[in-house]
């Protein structure tokens, strides 16, 4: 089991201004994984001004986000993430 992983979330704004997770990076000493999720609902394609992420990007069904992240972080004793303000 690895001791520490850092999780980074990239979000876009949805139809009502709510943040929607589009990409998650999990980085540990020996692991680097990036997960790009499909949009949870249809909306005009738009992107981030601070990254190259677009609303239509992704290959993982959004409905599996909890399962995907649980499996990706199961082998870490501690998880850290920076809150975006």
Protein backbone atom coordinates (compact mmCIF):
# COMPACT_ATOMS: atom_id res chain seq x y z
CA UNK A 1 0.00 0.00 0.00
CA UNK A 2 1.34 3.42 -0.93
CA UNK A 3 1.32 6.05 1.80
CA UNK A 4 0.11 9.16 -0.04
CA UNK A 5 -1.76 10.19 -3.17
CA UNK A 6 -2.69 13.63 -4.41
CA UNK A 7 -6.02 14.08 -6.19
CA UNK A 8 -6.63 16.96 -8.60
CA UNK A 9 -10.10 17.75 -9.94
CA UNK A 10 -10.86 19.70 -13.10
CA UNK A 11 -14.41 20.97 -13.42
CA UNK A 12 -16.60 22.78 -15.92
CA UNK A 13 -19.83 24.64 -15.25
CA UNK A 14 -23.10 22.86 -16.03
CA UNK A 15 -26.43 24.21 -17.25
CA UNK A 16 -27.32 25.93 -13.97
CA UNK A 17 -23.84 27.16 -13.05
CA UNK A 18 -23.03 24.11 -10.93
CA UNK A 19 -19.54 22.63 -11.12
CA UNK A 20 -19.33 19.27 -12.91
CA UNK A 21 -16.26 17.06 -12.51
CA UNK A 22 -14.75 16.39 -15.93
CA UNK A 23 -11.26 15.10 -15.10
CA UNK A 24 -9.60 13.58 -12.05
CA UNK A 25 -5.88 12.93 -11.65
CA UNK A 26 -4.59 10.56 -8.98
CA UNK A 27 -0.83 10.75 -8.38
CA UNK A 28 1.21 8.65 -5.98
CA UNK A 29 4.87 7.75 -5.79
CA UNK A 30 4.47 4.94 -8.35
CA UNK A 31 1.07 5.75 -9.86
CA UNK A 32 -0.25 8.46 -12.15
CA UNK A 33 -3.75 8.02 -13.50
CA UNK A 34 -6.03 10.45 -15.30
CA UNK A 35 -9.76 9.82 -15.60
CA UNK A 36 -11.88 11.83 -18.06
CA UNK A 37 -15.61 11.50 -17.59
CA UNK A 38 -18.36 11.80 -20.18
CA UNK A 39 -20.82 14.66 -19.64
CA UNK A 40 -23.63 13.74 -17.21
CA UNK A 41 -26.19 15.46 -19.46
CA UNK A 42 -26.42 17.04 -22.91
CA UNK A 43 -25.38 20.64 -23.21
CA UNK A 44 -23.75 22.86 -25.81
CA UNK A 45 -20.06 22.02 -25.95
CA UNK A 46 -17.89 24.48 -24.05
CA UNK A 47 -14.43 24.41 -22.56
CA UNK A 48 -12.31 25.69 -19.74
CA UNK A 49 -10.40 28.95 -20.03
CA UNK A 50 -7.62 27.57 -17.81
CA UNK A 51 -7.21 24.08 -19.35
CA UNK A 52 -7.83 22.21 -22.59
CA UNK A 53 -10.82 20.32 -21.19
CA UNK A 54 -14.01 20.46 -23.25
CA UNK A 55 -17.55 19.48 -22.26
CA UNK A 56 -17.57 16.68 -24.84
CA UNK A 57 -14.25 15.16 -23.66
CA UNK A 58 -14.24 11.90 -21.76
CA UNK A 59 -14.62 8.16 -22.15
CA UNK A 60 -15.77 7.00 -18.69
CA UNK A 61 -19.50 7.10 -17.91
CA UNK A 62 -20.25 9.80 -15.34
CA UNK A 63 -22.48 7.39 -13.41
CA UNK A 64 -19.36 5.38 -12.46
CA UNK A 65 -17.43 8.30 -10.92
CA UNK A 66 -17.70 7.07 -7.30
CA UNK A 67 -16.76 3.49 -8.18
CA UNK A 68 -13.90 4.62 -10.43
CA UNK A 69 -12.37 6.88 -7.79
CA UNK A 70 -12.89 4.36 -4.99
CA UNK A 71 -10.99 1.72 -6.95
CA UNK A 72 -8.25 4.17 -8.01
CA UNK A 73 -7.58 5.30 -4.43
CA UNK A 74 -8.10 2.02 -2.55
CA UNK A 75 -4.36 1.32 -2.21
CA UNK A 76 -3.46 4.63 -0.58
CA UNK A 77 -3.34 5.23 3.16
CA UNK A 78 -3.75 9.04 2.84
CA UNK A 79 -5.38 11.19 0.18
CA UNK A 80 -4.79 14.91 -0.33
CA UNK A 81 -6.58 17.36 -2.59
CA UNK A 82 -6.42 21.10 -3.11
CA UNK A 83 -9.69 22.95 -3.02
CA UNK A 84 -10.17 25.34 -5.94
CA UNK A 85 -11.43 28.73 -4.84
